[in-house]
Amino acid sequence: MKLVSNLELCKGFAVCRGHITANDTYIYSIDDASTDTKFSQIFYMLEGSGTAYNEDGSVYGSSNNPGVWDLRSMHQKSYKFTAGEHGATWLCINPIPANNFFDLEILKQGSSKTIEGDGKEHIVMCGKGVITANDVELKQFKYTRVLNGKTINFNIPDGSEAIYLTR
């Protein structure tokens, strides 16, 4: 069984969450890997484990929770994801347009980062737990942008993690 939640549209990207049961496979068609709001460039494992396979069937990567993949090399190619023995739950970031890729950095627990808006697109999303942005709490799946000329100090406490996207 697979369950993909409704897509949440944001400015310049979409977020989807999904789950598949143990040992099940989710197949991404060429259309899925090419279309705006459908192509999942960033795959962030929330729970469970799984393996991604290229269009030729070779292993692209394997991950347990936590795990993150940048799937830009899968753009306009079919691929599949098979869940591990306990299933898999994930969050995906889908760039809009589909070929306007993000650069990715994971901000790990116990860290901090100061980001200055410089005209580029800077987005920080709470992947798990709760993070703070200039002392404002961001709960899981909430995000903020760092606007041009602004500075935000991010703190990622123990048990939390953030997804930092730039382009």
C-alpha atoms as a PDB file:
ATOM      1  CA  MET A   1       0.000   0.000   0.000  1.00  0.00           C
ATOM      2  CA  LYS A   2       1.181   3.508  -0.710  1.00  0.00           C
ATOM      3  CA  LEU A   3      -0.201   6.788   0.531  1.00  0.00           C
ATOM      4  CA  VAL A   4       0.906  10.167  -0.779  1.00  0.00           C
ATOM      5  CA  SER A   5      -0.562  13.199   0.938  1.00  0.00           C
ATOM      6  CA  ASN A   6      -1.906  16.218  -0.865  1.00  0.00           C
ATOM      7  CA  LEU A   7       0.689  18.458  -2.375  1.00  0.00           C
ATOM      8  CA  GLU A   8       1.382  21.684  -0.526  1.00  0.00           C
ATOM      9  CA  LEU A   9       2.251  24.421  -3.008  1.00  0.00           C
ATOM     10  CA  CYS A  10       4.753  27.038  -1.885  1.00  0.00           C
ATOM     11  CA  LYS A  11       6.451  29.866  -3.773  1.00  0.00           C
ATOM     12  CA  GLY A  12       8.927  28.124  -6.091  1.00  0.00           C
ATOM     13  CA  PHE A  13       8.441  24.568  -4.816  1.00  0.00           C
ATOM     14  CA  ALA A  14       5.929  21.995  -3.622  1.00  0.00           C
ATOM     15  CA  VAL A  15       6.112  19.693  -0.605  1.00  0.00           C
ATOM     16  CA  CYS A  16       4.621  16.213  -0.516  1.00  0.00           C
ATOM     17  CA  ARG A  17       4.663  13.551   2.158  1.00  0.00           C
ATOM     18  CA  GLY A  18       4.138   9.877   1.617  1.00  0.00           C
ATOM     19  CA  HIS A  19       4.307   6.400   3.102  1.00  0.00           C
ATOM     20  CA  ILE A  20       4.565   2.895   1.717  1.00  0.00           C
ATOM     21  CA  THR A  21       4.289  -0.327   3.643  1.00  0.00           C
ATOM     22  CA  ALA A  22       7.073  -2.856   4.143  1.00  0.00           C
ATOM     23  CA  ASN A  23       8.826  -4.078   1.003  1.00  0.00           C
ATOM     24  CA  ASP A  24       6.415  -2.206  -1.287  1.00  0.00           C
ATOM     25  CA  THR A  25       7.693  -0.278  -4.322  1.00  0.00           C
ATOM     26  CA  TYR A  26       6.815   3.205  -5.546  1.00  0.00           C
ATOM     27  CA  ILE A  27       7.550   3.684  -9.258  1.00  0.00           C
ATOM     28  CA  TYR A  28       8.282   7.158 -10.632  1.00  0.00           C
ATOM     29  CA  SER A  29       7.457   7.415 -14.338  1.00  0.00           C
ATOM     30  CA  ILE A  30       9.226   9.733 -16.764  1.00  0.00           C
ATOM     31  CA  ASP A  31       6.183  12.023 -16.445  1.00  0.00           C
ATOM     32  CA  ASP A  32       6.531  12.013 -12.630  1.00  0.00           C
ATOM     33  CA  ALA A  33      10.228  12.862 -12.989  1.00  0.00           C
ATOM     34  CA  SER A  34       9.671  15.668 -15.504  1.00  0.00           C
ATOM     35  CA  THR A  35       6.553  17.578 -14.538  1.00  0.00           C
ATOM     36  CA  ASP A  36       6.384  20.679 -12.343  1.00  0.00           C
ATOM     37  CA  THR A  37       5.085  19.813  -8.825  1.00  0.00           C
ATOM     38  CA  LYS A  38       5.592  16.071  -9.521  1.00  0.00           C
ATOM     39  CA  PHE A  39       9.386  15.761  -9.763  1.00  0.00           C
ATOM     40  CA  SER A  40      10.800  15.117  -6.290  1.00  0.00           C
ATOM     41  CA  GLN A  41      14.345  16.485  -6.254  1.00  0.00           C
ATOM     42  CA  ILE A  42      14.904  16.249  -2.491  1.00  0.00           C
ATOM     43  CA  PHE A  43      13.859  12.999  -0.766  1.00  0.00           C
ATOM     44  CA  TYR A  44      14.019  13.223   3.044  1.00  0.00           C
ATOM     45  CA  MET A  45      13.377   9.980   4.950  1.00  0.00           C
ATOM     46  CA  LEU A  46      11.291  10.577   8.069  1.00  0.00           C
ATOM     47  CA  GLU A  47      10.877   6.980   9.280  1.00  0.00           C
ATOM     48  CA  GLY A  48      11.838   3.549   8.079  1.00  0.00           C
ATOM     49  CA  SER A  49      14.267   2.681   5.313  1.00  0.00           C
ATOM     50  CA  GLY A  50      14.482   1.961   1.638  1.00  0.00           C
ATOM     51  CA  THR A  51      16.482   1.754  -1.558  1.00  0.00           C
ATOM     52  CA  ALA A  52      16.263   3.852  -4.715  1.00  0.00           C
ATOM     53  CA  TYR A  53      16.996   2.288  -8.105  1.00  0.00           C
ATOM     54  CA  ASN A  54      18.023   4.006 -11.367  1.00  0.00           C
ATOM     55  CA  GLU A  55      16.035   3.493 -14.550  1.00  0.00           C
ATOM     56  CA  ASP A  56      18.368   0.591 -15.442  1.00  0.00           C
ATOM     57  CA  GLY A  57      17.629  -1.147 -12.107  1.00  0.00           C
ATOM     58  CA  SER A  58      20.981  -0.469 -10.423  1.00  0.00           C
ATOM     59  CA  VAL A  59      21.028   0.844  -6.852  1.00  0.00           C
ATOM     60  CA  TYR A  60      21.121   4.645  -6.683  1.00  0.00           C
ATOM     61  CA  GLY A  61      21.219   4.777  -2.897  1.00  0.00           C
ATOM     62  CA  SER A  62      20.017   3.135   0.279  1.00  0.00           C
ATOM     63  CA  SER A  63      18.989   4.880   3.466  1.00  0.00           C
ATOM     64  CA  ASN A  64      17.679   4.484   6.952  1.00  0.00           C
ATOM     65  CA  ASN A  65      16.041   7.195   9.003  1.00  0.00           C
ATOM     66  CA  PRO A  66      17.427   9.810   8.934  1.00  0.00           C
ATOM     67  CA  GLY A  67      18.463   9.986   5.325  1.00  0.00           C
ATOM     68  CA  VAL A  68      18.298  12.448   2.487  1.00  0.00           C
ATOM     69  CA  TRP A  69      18.891  12.160  -1.245  1.00  0.00           C
ATOM     70  CA  ASP A  70      19.299  14.803  -3.909  1.00  0.00           C
ATOM     71  CA  LEU A  71      17.637  13.185  -6.924  1.00  0.00           C
ATOM     72  CA  ARG A  72      18.440  15.854  -9.540  1.00  0.00           C
ATOM     73  CA  SER A  73      20.229  13.196 -11.631  1.00  0.00           C
ATOM     74  CA  MET A  74      16.864  11.390 -11.878  1.00  0.00           C
ATOM     75  CA  HIS A  75      15.208  14.386 -13.592  1.00  0.00           C
ATOM     76  CA  GLN A  76      13.369  13.189 -16.728  1.00  0.00           C
ATOM     77  CA  LYS A  77      14.193   9.527 -15.991  1.00  0.00           C
ATOM     78  CA  SER A  78      12.068   6.777 -14.524  1.00  0.00           C
ATOM     79  CA  TYR A  79      13.201   5.285 -11.223  1.00  0.00           C
ATOM     80  CA  LYS A  80      11.758   3.409  -8.271  1.00  0.00           C
ATOM     81  CA  PHE A  81      11.921   3.325  -4.495  1.00  0.00           C
ATOM     82  CA  THR A  82      11.448   0.126  -2.471  1.00  0.00           C
ATOM     83  CA  ALA A  83      10.709   0.365   1.242  1.00  0.00           C
ATOM     84  CA  GLY A  84      12.583  -1.684   3.805  1.00  0.00           C
ATOM     85  CA  GLU A  85      11.119  -4.276   6.151  1.00  0.00           C
ATOM     86  CA  HIS A  86       9.371  -1.638   8.305  1.00  0.00           C
ATOM     87  CA  GLY A  87       8.068   0.546   5.462  1.00  0.00           C
ATOM     88  CA  ALA A  88       9.067   4.133   4.746  1.00  0.00           C
ATOM     89  CA  THR A  89       7.674   7.587   5.405  1.00  0.00           C
ATOM     90  CA  TRP A  90       9.170  10.571   3.598  1.00  0.00           C
ATOM     91  CA  LEU A  91       8.985  14.258   2.758  1.00  0.00           C
ATOM     92  CA  CYS A  92       9.845  15.440  -0.757  1.00  0.00           C
ATOM     93  CA  ILE A  93      10.736  18.888  -2.062  1.00  0.00           C
ATOM     94  CA  ASN A  94       9.616  19.345  -5.660  1.00  0.00           C
ATOM     95  CA  PRO A  95      11.155  22.411  -7.385  1.00  0.00           C
ATOM     96  CA  ILE A  96       9.010  24.610  -9.609  1.00  0.00           C
ATOM     97  CA  PRO A  97       9.887  24.612 -12.437  1.00  0.00           C
ATOM     98  CA  ALA A  98      11.019  20.994 -12.211  1.00  0.00           C
ATOM     99  CA  ASN A  99      14.452  21.746 -13.688  1.00  0.00           C
ATOM    100  CA  ASN A 100      15.235  24.689 -11.350  1.00  0.00           C
ATOM    101  CA  PHE A 101      17.202  22.583  -8.851  1.00  0.00           C
ATOM    102  CA  PHE A 102      18.029  23.460  -5.260  1.00  0.00           C
ATOM    103  CA  ASP A 103      21.386  23.027  -3.578  1.00  0.00           C
ATOM    104  CA  LEU A 104      20.910  21.169  -0.309  1.00  0.00           C
ATOM    105  CA  GLU A 105      22.482  21.249   3.134  1.00  0.00           C
ATOM    106  CA  ILE A 106      21.198  19.406   6.194  1.00  0.00           C
ATOM    107  CA  LEU A 107      21.531  21.394   9.415  1.00  0.00           C
ATOM    108  CA  LYS A 108      22.128  18.741  12.067  1.00  0.00           C
ATOM    109  CA  GLN A 109      21.028  18.681  15.697  1.00  0.00           C
ATOM    110  CA  GLY A 110      23.088  20.751  18.091  1.00  0.00           C
ATOM    111  CA  SER A 111      24.170  23.212  15.410  1.00  0.00           C
ATOM    112  CA  SER A 112      23.459  26.791  14.453  1.00  0.00           C
ATOM    113  CA  LYS A 113      23.769  28.750  11.234  1.00  0.00           C
ATOM    114  CA  THR A 114      23.474  32.425  10.345  1.00  0.00           C
ATOM    115  CA  ILE A 115      22.169  33.138   6.858  1.00  0.00           C
ATOM    116  CA  GLU A 116      22.294  36.559   5.234  1.00  0.00           C
ATOM    117  CA  GLY A 117      19.920  37.297   2.367  1.00  0.00           C
ATOM    118  CA  ASP A 118      22.028  38.074  -0.683  1.00  0.00           C
ATOM    119  CA  GLY A 119      19.500  38.069  -3.516  1.00  0.00           C
ATOM    120  CA  LYS A 120      19.625  34.273  -3.914  1.00  0.00           C
ATOM    121  CA  GLU A 121      16.741  32.088  -2.799  1.00  0.00           C
ATOM    122  CA  HIS A 122      17.373  30.794   0.766  1.00  0.00           C
ATOM    123  CA  ILE A 123      14.801  28.494   2.406  1.00  0.00           C
ATOM    124  CA  VAL A 124      15.113  26.679   5.735  1.00  0.00           C
ATOM    125  CA  MET A 125      12.523  24.022   6.626  1.00  0.00           C
ATOM    126  CA  CYS A 126      12.241  22.109   9.869  1.00  0.00           C
ATOM    127  CA  GLY A 127      12.603  18.445   8.943  1.00  0.00           C
ATOM    128  CA  LYS A 128      12.076  17.046  12.418  1.00  0.00           C
ATOM    129  CA  GLY A 129      11.615  18.412  15.914  1.00  0.00           C
ATOM    130  CA  VAL A 130      11.484  22.183  16.387  1.00  0.00           C
ATOM    131  CA  ILE A 131      14.069  24.743  15.257  1.00  0.00           C
ATOM    132  CA  THR A 132      14.302  28.465  15.947  1.00  0.00           C
ATOM    133  CA  ALA A 133      14.735  31.294  13.455  1.00  0.00           C
ATOM    134  CA  ASN A 134      15.694  34.512  15.296  1.00  0.00           C
ATOM    135  CA  ASP A 135      14.011  33.022  18.387  1.00  0.00           C
ATOM    136  CA  VAL A 136      10.770  32.182  16.509  1.00  0.00           C
ATOM    137  CA  GLU A 137       9.903  28.480  16.659  1.00  0.00           C
ATOM    138  CA  LEU A 138       9.408  26.543  13.451  1.00  0.00           C
ATOM    139  CA  LYS A 139       7.744  23.156  13.961  1.00  0.00           C
ATOM    140  CA  GLN A 140       8.132  20.159  11.672  1.00  0.00           C
ATOM    141  CA  PHE A 141       7.424  20.930   7.974  1.00  0.00           C
ATOM    142  CA  LYS A 142       7.259  24.700   8.570  1.00  0.00           C
ATOM    143  CA  TYR A 143       9.735  26.870   6.709  1.00  0.00           C
ATOM    144  CA  THR A 144      10.983  30.402   6.314  1.00  0.00           C
ATOM    145  CA  ARG A 145      12.758  32.338   3.594  1.00  0.00           C
ATOM    146  CA  VAL A 146      15.733  34.596   4.161  1.00  0.00           C
ATOM    147  CA  LEU A 147      14.962  37.726   2.181  1.00  0.00           C
ATOM    148  CA  ASN A 148      17.512  39.967   0.522  1.00  0.00           C
ATOM    149  CA  GLY A 149      19.184  42.247   3.068  1.00  0.00           C
ATOM    150  CA  LYS A 150      17.856  40.291   6.073  1.00  0.00           C
ATOM    151  CA  THR A 151      19.772  38.037   8.479  1.00  0.00           C
ATOM    152  CA  ILE A 152      18.346  35.041  10.321  1.00  0.00           C
ATOM    153  CA  ASN A 153      20.106  33.029  13.033  1.00  0.00           C
ATOM    154  CA  PHE A 154      18.968  29.406  13.023  1.00  0.00           C
ATOM    155  CA  ASN A 155      19.399  27.123  16.032  1.00  0.00           C
ATOM    156  CA  ILE A 156      18.845  23.403  15.684  1.00  0.00           C
ATOM    157  CA  PRO A 157      18.581  21.815  19.142  1.00  0.00           C
ATOM    158  CA  ASP A 158      19.184  18.159  19.986  1.00  0.00           C
ATOM    159  CA  GLY A 159      16.545  15.904  18.439  1.00  0.00           C
ATOM    160  CA  SER A 160      15.875  18.330  15.577  1.00  0.00           C
ATOM    161  CA  GLU A 161      17.096  18.741  12.014  1.00  0.00           C
ATOM    162  CA  ALA A 162      16.586  21.324   9.261  1.00  0.00           C
ATOM    163  CA  ILE A 163      16.699  21.286   5.467  1.00  0.00           C
ATOM    164  CA  TYR A 164      18.521  24.292   3.968  1.00  0.00           C
ATOM    165  CA  LEU A 165      17.815  24.958   0.288  1.00  0.00           C
ATOM    166  CA  THR A 166      19.481  27.552  -1.955  1.00  0.00           C
ATOM    167  CA  ARG A 167      19.416  28.423  -5.636  1.00  0.00           C
END
